[in-house]
Amino acid sequence: MATSGGDINDFDDYYAARQARLVQECAAVGIKYENPHEGLWDWFHYWKAQGFDSWAQRRQYVRKLFTGPIASAAGRINRPGPTTEREPTGWERVDRALAKARMLLNSAAVEEDWQSVGLLCREVLISLAQAVHDPEVHLTTDEKGTVISRTDAKRLLEAWLQQEHEGGSNKEIRAHIRASLDLANNLQHRRTATRQLAALCLEATSSAVAVVAILAGRWEG
């Protein structure tokens, strides 16, 4: 319920839309959600009248107001995510981050949580690229001669594909991997993130990991 120093009028519509969505989503899964402050101006006049002059007093009130819904959301049994957990690749950082992203998706309840799924998916793909790309074997520069950063998952994976799996369905595989990276980057910075977008992002990332694992021979028999 803060505007980070901005004008209340600039954030009131966003607050109202988010409030309506929370009411709808909580009702759909049986969580009791009650917020008496329909708008930011209502909240402003309330804390003024109550004498909540410090941020600590306001935070304490808000924390108490939403303790019940948060506890219900954290304690309820989440419906299974749309992503099927695949066989581990054996790449520790990749498998660990994927498992963490699945757990986060199942417990996520707000936009910031869903954005975090995108951040984790991006980290998965960076770790995946580092797992298969060998600087001593694969290209370490792009077409312009620029050295490829160790966090540039897209170019690292393309260099690996070009060296190890040239031809065939290389074009389609590159497009598949690029799409998963684009989804992760988009979700990470999307302030209007939703559970559906997070689930799509995680599925795309899991699929990209599976494709690379197959090509790298991690699942041969």
C-alpha atoms as a PDB file:
ATOM      1  CA  MET A   1       0.000   0.000   0.000  1.00  0.00           C
ATOM      2  CA  ALA A   2       2.855   2.358  -0.790  1.00  0.00           C
ATOM      3  CA  THR A   3       3.495   4.444  -3.889  1.00  0.00           C
ATOM      4  CA  SER A   4       7.298   4.726  -3.513  1.00  0.00           C
ATOM      5  CA  GLY A   5       7.046   8.491  -3.322  1.00  0.00           C
ATOM      6  CA  GLY A   6       4.754   8.879  -6.342  1.00  0.00           C
ATOM      7  CA  ASP A   7       1.391  10.594  -6.527  1.00  0.00           C
ATOM      8  CA  ILE A   8      -1.534   8.541  -5.232  1.00  0.00           C
ATOM      9  CA  ASN A   9      -3.602   9.312  -8.327  1.00  0.00           C
ATOM     10  CA  ASP A  10      -0.935   7.663 -10.485  1.00  0.00           C
ATOM     11  CA  PHE A  11      -1.279   4.375  -8.623  1.00  0.00           C
ATOM     12  CA  ASP A  12      -4.926   4.287  -7.567  1.00  0.00           C
ATOM     13  CA  ASP A  13      -6.211   2.545 -10.715  1.00  0.00           C
ATOM     14  CA  TYR A  14      -3.483  -0.087 -10.499  1.00  0.00           C
ATOM     15  CA  TYR A  15      -4.337  -0.673  -6.838  1.00  0.00           C
ATOM     16  CA  ALA A  16      -8.065  -1.043  -7.627  1.00  0.00           C
ATOM     17  CA  ALA A  17      -7.388  -3.497 -10.459  1.00  0.00           C
ATOM     18  CA  ARG A  18      -5.062  -5.570  -8.314  1.00  0.00           C
ATOM     19  CA  GLN A  19      -7.526  -5.509  -5.447  1.00  0.00           C
ATOM     20  CA  ALA A  20     -10.321  -6.796  -7.696  1.00  0.00           C
ATOM     21  CA  ARG A  21      -8.073  -9.563  -9.034  1.00  0.00           C
ATOM     22  CA  LEU A  22      -7.029 -10.647  -5.539  1.00  0.00           C
ATOM     23  CA  VAL A  23     -10.646 -10.839  -4.414  1.00  0.00           C
ATOM     24  CA  GLN A  24     -11.523 -12.974  -7.433  1.00  0.00           C
ATOM     25  CA  GLU A  25      -8.509 -15.279  -7.203  1.00  0.00           C
ATOM     26  CA  CYS A  26      -8.822 -15.816  -3.459  1.00  0.00           C
ATOM     27  CA  ALA A  27     -12.518 -16.612  -3.796  1.00  0.00           C
ATOM     28  CA  ALA A  28     -11.734 -19.141  -6.529  1.00  0.00           C
ATOM     29  CA  VAL A  29      -9.469 -21.161  -4.208  1.00  0.00           C
ATOM     30  CA  GLY A  30     -11.457 -20.673  -1.007  1.00  0.00           C
ATOM     31  CA  ILE A  31      -9.209 -18.145   0.736  1.00  0.00           C
ATOM     32  CA  LYS A  32     -10.916 -15.528   2.880  1.00  0.00           C
ATOM     33  CA  TYR A  33      -9.658 -12.137   1.771  1.00  0.00           C
ATOM     34  CA  GLU A  34     -10.980  -8.936   3.319  1.00  0.00           C
ATOM     35  CA  ASN A  35      -9.487  -5.517   2.654  1.00  0.00           C
ATOM     36  CA  PRO A  36     -11.643  -2.594   3.821  1.00  0.00           C
ATOM     37  CA  HIS A  37      -9.601  -0.055   1.835  1.00  0.00           C
ATOM     38  CA  GLU A  38     -11.122   0.064  -1.636  1.00  0.00           C
ATOM     39  CA  GLY A  39      -8.723   2.726  -2.856  1.00  0.00           C
ATOM     40  CA  LEU A  40      -5.440   4.335  -1.910  1.00  0.00           C
ATOM     41  CA  TRP A  41      -7.201   7.518  -0.840  1.00  0.00           C
ATOM     42  CA  ASP A  42      -9.350   5.444   1.544  1.00  0.00           C
ATOM     43  CA  TRP A  43      -6.165   3.986   3.008  1.00  0.00           C
ATOM     44  CA  PHE A  44      -4.530   7.419   3.210  1.00  0.00           C
ATOM     45  CA  HIS A  45      -7.451   8.954   5.145  1.00  0.00           C
ATOM     46  CA  TYR A  46      -7.653   5.883   7.391  1.00  0.00           C
ATOM     47  CA  TRP A  47      -4.057   5.916   8.567  1.00  0.00           C
ATOM     48  CA  LYS A  48      -4.205   9.704   9.000  1.00  0.00           C
ATOM     49  CA  ALA A  49      -7.281   9.342  11.203  1.00  0.00           C
ATOM     50  CA  GLN A  50      -5.685   6.510  13.192  1.00  0.00           C
ATOM     51  CA  GLY A  51      -2.526   8.511  13.797  1.00  0.00           C
ATOM     52  CA  PHE A  52      -0.215   6.049  12.010  1.00  0.00           C
ATOM     53  CA  ASP A  53       2.474   8.670  11.504  1.00  0.00           C
ATOM     54  CA  SER A  54       5.373   6.240  11.087  1.00  0.00           C
ATOM     55  CA  TRP A  55       6.012   3.641   8.393  1.00  0.00           C
ATOM     56  CA  ALA A  56       6.473   1.039  11.146  1.00  0.00           C
ATOM     57  CA  GLN A  57       2.929   1.604  12.430  1.00  0.00           C
ATOM     58  CA  ARG A  58       1.460   1.315   8.932  1.00  0.00           C
ATOM     59  CA  ARG A  59       3.455  -1.816   8.135  1.00  0.00           C
ATOM     60  CA  GLN A  60       2.337  -3.436  11.371  1.00  0.00           C
ATOM     61  CA  TYR A  61      -1.298  -2.712  10.542  1.00  0.00           C
ATOM     62  CA  VAL A  62      -1.017  -4.046   6.974  1.00  0.00           C
ATOM     63  CA  ARG A  63       0.861  -7.145   8.145  1.00  0.00           C
ATOM     64  CA  LYS A  64      -1.877  -7.900  10.658  1.00  0.00           C
ATOM     65  CA  LEU A  65      -4.598  -7.221   8.069  1.00  0.00           C
ATOM     66  CA  PHE A  66      -3.221  -9.794   5.630  1.00  0.00           C
ATOM     67  CA  THR A  67      -1.872 -12.407   8.066  1.00  0.00           C
ATOM     68  CA  GLY A  68      -4.917 -14.630   7.572  1.00  0.00           C
ATOM     69  CA  PRO A  69      -4.952 -14.701   3.744  1.00  0.00           C
ATOM     70  CA  ILE A  70      -1.175 -15.189   3.556  1.00  0.00           C
ATOM     71  CA  ALA A  71      -1.281 -18.061   6.043  1.00  0.00           C
ATOM     72  CA  SER A  72      -4.147 -19.667   4.134  1.00  0.00           C
ATOM     73  CA  ALA A  73      -2.305 -19.351   0.836  1.00  0.00           C
ATOM     74  CA  ALA A  74       0.900 -20.762   2.304  1.00  0.00           C
ATOM     75  CA  GLY A  75      -0.836 -23.619   4.078  1.00  0.00           C
ATOM     76  CA  ARG A  76      -3.259 -24.789   1.434  1.00  0.00           C
ATOM     77  CA  ILE A  77      -2.471 -27.717  -0.816  1.00  0.00           C
ATOM     78  CA  ASN A  78      -1.601 -26.228  -4.177  1.00  0.00           C
ATOM     79  CA  ARG A  79      -2.958 -27.790  -7.299  1.00  0.00           C
ATOM     80  CA  PRO A  80      -0.178 -29.472  -9.273  1.00  0.00           C
ATOM     81  CA  GLY A  81       1.688 -27.164 -11.573  1.00  0.00           C
ATOM     82  CA  PRO A  82       1.357 -27.687 -15.304  1.00  0.00           C
ATOM     83  CA  THR A  83       5.010 -28.633 -15.567  1.00  0.00           C
ATOM     84  CA  THR A  84       5.858 -32.288 -15.251  1.00  0.00           C
ATOM     85  CA  GLU A  85       9.061 -32.837 -13.343  1.00  0.00           C
ATOM     86  CA  ARG A  86      11.514 -34.447 -15.702  1.00  0.00           C
ATOM     87  CA  GLU A  87      14.425 -36.748 -15.063  1.00  0.00           C
ATOM     88  CA  PRO A  88      17.375 -34.838 -13.537  1.00  0.00           C
ATOM     89  CA  THR A  89      20.042 -33.852 -16.017  1.00  0.00           C
ATOM     90  CA  GLY A  90      22.935 -34.370 -13.634  1.00  0.00           C
ATOM     91  CA  TRP A  91      23.921 -30.729 -14.002  1.00  0.00           C
ATOM     92  CA  GLU A  92      23.588 -29.760 -10.353  1.00  0.00           C
ATOM     93  CA  ARG A  93      22.926 -26.032 -10.721  1.00  0.00           C
ATOM     94  CA  VAL A  94      20.413 -26.611 -13.523  1.00  0.00           C
ATOM     95  CA  ASP A  95      18.476 -29.276 -11.617  1.00  0.00           C
ATOM     96  CA  ARG A  96      18.564 -27.330  -8.350  1.00  0.00           C
ATOM     97  CA  ALA A  97      17.296 -24.084  -9.881  1.00  0.00           C
ATOM     98  CA  LEU A  98      14.555 -25.889 -11.824  1.00  0.00           C
ATOM     99  CA  ALA A  99      13.325 -27.580  -8.641  1.00  0.00           C
ATOM    100  CA  LYS A 100      13.345 -24.229  -6.835  1.00  0.00           C
ATOM    101  CA  ALA A 101      11.377 -22.604  -9.677  1.00  0.00           C
ATOM    102  CA  ARG A 102       8.713 -25.347  -9.449  1.00  0.00           C
ATOM    103  CA  MET A 103       8.393 -24.859  -5.699  1.00  0.00           C
ATOM    104  CA  LEU A 104       8.094 -21.107  -6.133  1.00  0.00           C
ATOM    105  CA  LEU A 105       5.414 -21.457  -8.796  1.00  0.00           C
ATOM    106  CA  ASN A 106       3.339 -23.673  -6.509  1.00  0.00           C
ATOM    107  CA  SER A 107       3.522 -21.209  -3.617  1.00  0.00           C
ATOM    108  CA  ALA A 108       3.399 -17.949  -5.611  1.00  0.00           C
ATOM    109  CA  ALA A 109       0.470 -15.648  -4.919  1.00  0.00           C
ATOM    110  CA  VAL A 110       1.478 -12.172  -6.138  1.00  0.00           C
ATOM    111  CA  GLU A 111       3.147 -10.545  -9.140  1.00  0.00           C
ATOM    112  CA  GLU A 112       6.564 -10.317  -7.513  1.00  0.00           C
ATOM    113  CA  ASP A 113       6.575 -14.084  -6.900  1.00  0.00           C
ATOM    114  CA  TRP A 114       5.681 -14.829 -10.514  1.00  0.00           C
ATOM    115  CA  GLN A 115       8.378 -12.437 -11.699  1.00  0.00           C
ATOM    116  CA  SER A 116      10.831 -14.361  -9.534  1.00  0.00           C
ATOM    117  CA  VAL A 117       9.930 -17.524 -11.431  1.00  0.00           C
ATOM    118  CA  GLY A 118      11.138 -15.743 -14.565  1.00  0.00           C
ATOM    119  CA  LEU A 119      14.380 -14.763 -12.821  1.00  0.00           C
ATOM    120  CA  LEU A 120      14.995 -18.363 -11.754  1.00  0.00           C
ATOM    121  CA  CYS A 121      14.231 -19.641 -15.251  1.00  0.00           C
ATOM    122  CA  ARG A 122      16.777 -17.212 -16.657  1.00  0.00           C
ATOM    123  CA  GLU A 123      19.350 -18.514 -14.165  1.00  0.00           C
ATOM    124  CA  VAL A 124      18.503 -22.088 -15.203  1.00  0.00           C
ATOM    125  CA  LEU A 125      19.232 -21.285 -18.840  1.00  0.00           C
ATOM    126  CA  ILE A 126      22.489 -19.497 -17.990  1.00  0.00           C
ATOM    127  CA  SER A 127      23.624 -22.516 -15.945  1.00  0.00           C
ATOM    128  CA  LEU A 128      22.543 -24.795 -18.797  1.00  0.00           C
ATOM    129  CA  ALA A 129      24.624 -22.819 -21.294  1.00  0.00           C
ATOM    130  CA  GLN A 130      27.661 -22.872 -19.013  1.00  0.00           C
ATOM    131  CA  ALA A 131      27.266 -26.626 -18.501  1.00  0.00           C
ATOM    132  CA  VAL A 132      27.562 -27.479 -22.210  1.00  0.00           C
ATOM    133  CA  HIS A 133      29.728 -24.661 -23.548  1.00  0.00           C
ATOM    134  CA  ASP A 134      33.456 -25.349 -23.408  1.00  0.00           C
ATOM    135  CA  PRO A 135      35.479 -22.166 -24.107  1.00  0.00           C
ATOM    136  CA  GLU A 136      38.403 -24.273 -25.327  1.00  0.00           C
ATOM    137  CA  VAL A 137      36.290 -26.169 -27.858  1.00  0.00           C
ATOM    138  CA  HIS A 138      33.379 -23.966 -28.900  1.00  0.00           C
ATOM    139  CA  LEU A 139      33.383 -20.506 -30.422  1.00  0.00           C
ATOM    140  CA  THR A 140      34.025 -17.811 -27.835  1.00  0.00           C
ATOM    141  CA  THR A 141      33.217 -14.841 -30.084  1.00  0.00           C
ATOM    142  CA  ASP A 142      30.110 -13.818 -31.999  1.00  0.00           C
ATOM    143  CA  GLU A 143      29.934 -12.843 -35.672  1.00  0.00           C
ATOM    144  CA  LYS A 144      31.303  -9.379 -34.870  1.00  0.00           C
ATOM    145  CA  GLY A 145      34.270 -10.799 -32.999  1.00  0.00           C
ATOM    146  CA  THR A 146      32.908  -9.802 -29.599  1.00  0.00           C
ATOM    147  CA  VAL A 147      33.850 -12.170 -26.789  1.00  0.00           C
ATOM    148  CA  ILE A 148      30.777 -14.041 -25.563  1.00  0.00           C
ATOM    149  CA  SER A 149      29.952 -13.317 -21.928  1.00  0.00           C
ATOM    150  CA  ARG A 150      29.660 -16.350 -19.632  1.00  0.00           C
ATOM    151  CA  THR A 151      26.169 -15.121 -18.707  1.00  0.00           C
ATOM    152  CA  ASP A 152      24.997 -14.748 -22.321  1.00  0.00           C
ATOM    153  CA  ALA A 153      23.001 -17.972 -22.463  1.00  0.00           C
ATOM    154  CA  LYS A 154      21.689 -17.362 -25.969  1.00  0.00           C
ATOM    155  CA  ARG A 155      25.099 -16.976 -27.646  1.00  0.00           C
ATOM    156  CA  LEU A 156      26.777 -19.652 -25.555  1.00  0.00           C
ATOM    157  CA  LEU A 157      24.128 -22.193 -26.503  1.00  0.00           C
ATOM    158  CA  GLU A 158      24.198 -21.150 -30.167  1.00  0.00           C
ATOM    159  CA  ALA A 159      27.990 -21.546 -30.248  1.00  0.00           C
ATOM    160  CA  TRP A 160      27.649 -25.006 -28.708  1.00  0.00           C
ATOM    161  CA  LEU A 161      24.926 -26.013 -31.169  1.00  0.00           C
ATOM    162  CA  GLN A 162      26.887 -24.752 -34.146  1.00  0.00           C
ATOM    163  CA  GLN A 163      29.940 -26.778 -33.145  1.00  0.00           C
ATOM    164  CA  GLU A 164      28.301 -29.958 -31.869  1.00  0.00           C
ATOM    165  CA  HIS A 165      25.038 -30.219 -33.802  1.00  0.00           C
ATOM    166  CA  GLU A 166      25.412 -28.404 -37.075  1.00  0.00           C
ATOM    167  CA  GLY A 167      22.700 -28.875 -39.685  1.00  0.00           C
ATOM    168  CA  GLY A 168      19.557 -30.960 -39.330  1.00  0.00           C
ATOM    169  CA  SER A 169      16.977 -29.298 -37.103  1.00  0.00           C
ATOM    170  CA  ASN A 170      19.511 -26.824 -35.705  1.00  0.00           C
ATOM    171  CA  LYS A 171      17.414 -23.843 -36.801  1.00  0.00           C
ATOM    172  CA  GLU A 172      14.286 -25.083 -35.026  1.00  0.00           C
ATOM    173  CA  ILE A 173      16.227 -25.974 -31.888  1.00  0.00           C
ATOM    174  CA  ARG A 174      17.795 -22.514 -31.734  1.00  0.00           C
ATOM    175  CA  ALA A 175      14.354 -20.945 -32.130  1.00  0.00           C
ATOM    176  CA  HIS A 176      13.019 -23.124 -29.318  1.00  0.00           C
ATOM    177  CA  ILE A 177      15.826 -22.094 -26.951  1.00  0.00           C
ATOM    178  CA  ARG A 178      15.542 -18.411 -27.905  1.00  0.00           C
ATOM    179  CA  ALA A 179      11.817 -18.488 -27.195  1.00  0.00           C
ATOM    180  CA  SER A 180      12.393 -19.889 -23.699  1.00  0.00           C
ATOM    181  CA  LEU A 181      14.959 -17.161 -22.996  1.00  0.00           C
ATOM    182  CA  ASP A 182      12.624 -14.457 -24.281  1.00  0.00           C
ATOM    183  CA  LEU A 183       9.811 -15.730 -22.048  1.00  0.00           C
ATOM    184  CA  ALA A 184      12.079 -15.729 -18.982  1.00  0.00           C
ATOM    185  CA  ASN A 185      13.370 -12.210 -19.648  1.00  0.00           C
ATOM    186  CA  ASN A 186       9.869 -10.906 -20.334  1.00  0.00           C
ATOM    187  CA  LEU A 187       8.384 -12.451 -17.203  1.00  0.00           C
ATOM    188  CA  GLN A 188      11.239 -11.258 -15.008  1.00  0.00           C
ATOM    189  CA  HIS A 189      10.514  -7.611 -15.872  1.00  0.00           C
ATOM    190  CA  ARG A 190       6.734  -7.820 -16.274  1.00  0.00           C
ATOM    191  CA  ARG A 191       5.065  -5.947 -13.425  1.00  0.00           C
ATOM    192  CA  THR A 192       1.701  -7.419 -14.438  1.00  0.00           C
ATOM    193  CA  ALA A 193       2.990 -11.013 -14.255  1.00  0.00           C
ATOM    194  CA  THR A 194       0.419 -13.778 -13.728  1.00  0.00           C
ATOM    195  CA  ARG A 195       0.531 -17.404 -12.649  1.00  0.00           C
ATOM    196  CA  GLN A 196      -0.312 -18.450 -16.191  1.00  0.00           C
ATOM    197  CA  LEU A 197       2.689 -16.588 -17.625  1.00  0.00           C
ATOM    198  CA  ALA A 198       4.939 -18.032 -14.925  1.00  0.00           C
ATOM    199  CA  ALA A 199       3.700 -21.549 -15.675  1.00  0.00           C
ATOM    200  CA  LEU A 200       4.292 -21.064 -19.410  1.00  0.00           C
ATOM    201  CA  CYS A 201       7.780 -19.739 -18.734  1.00  0.00           C
ATOM    202  CA  LEU A 202       8.685 -22.676 -16.504  1.00  0.00           C
ATOM    203  CA  GLU A 203       7.334 -25.174 -19.028  1.00  0.00           C
ATOM    204  CA  ALA A 204       9.344 -23.561 -21.837  1.00  0.00           C
ATOM    205  CA  THR A 205      12.493 -23.550 -19.706  1.00  0.00           C
ATOM    206  CA  SER A 206      12.034 -27.180 -18.663  1.00  0.00           C
ATOM    207  CA  SER A 207      11.524 -28.136 -22.282  1.00  0.00           C
ATOM    208  CA  ALA A 208      14.661 -26.280 -23.406  1.00  0.00           C
ATOM    209  CA  VAL A 209      16.662 -28.033 -20.691  1.00  0.00           C
ATOM    210  CA  ALA A 210      15.292 -31.388 -21.831  1.00  0.00           C
ATOM    211  CA  VAL A 211      16.202 -30.696 -25.475  1.00  0.00           C
ATOM    212  CA  VAL A 212      19.769 -29.723 -24.590  1.00  0.00           C
ATOM    213  CA  ALA A 213      20.127 -32.691 -22.219  1.00  0.00           C
ATOM    214  CA  ILE A 214      19.048 -35.073 -24.990  1.00  0.00           C
ATOM    215  CA  LEU A 215      21.456 -33.519 -27.497  1.00  0.00           C
ATOM    216  CA  ALA A 216      24.266 -33.626 -24.934  1.00  0.00           C
ATOM    217  CA  GLY A 217      23.660 -37.333 -24.349  1.00  0.00           C
ATOM    218  CA  ARG A 218      22.650 -36.923 -20.714  1.00  0.00           C
ATOM    219  CA  TRP A 219      19.610 -39.189 -21.121  1.00  0.00           C
ATOM    220  CA  GLU A 220      20.992 -41.901 -23.365  1.00  0.00           C
ATOM    221  CA  GLY A 221      19.530 -45.055 -21.829  1.00  0.00           C
END
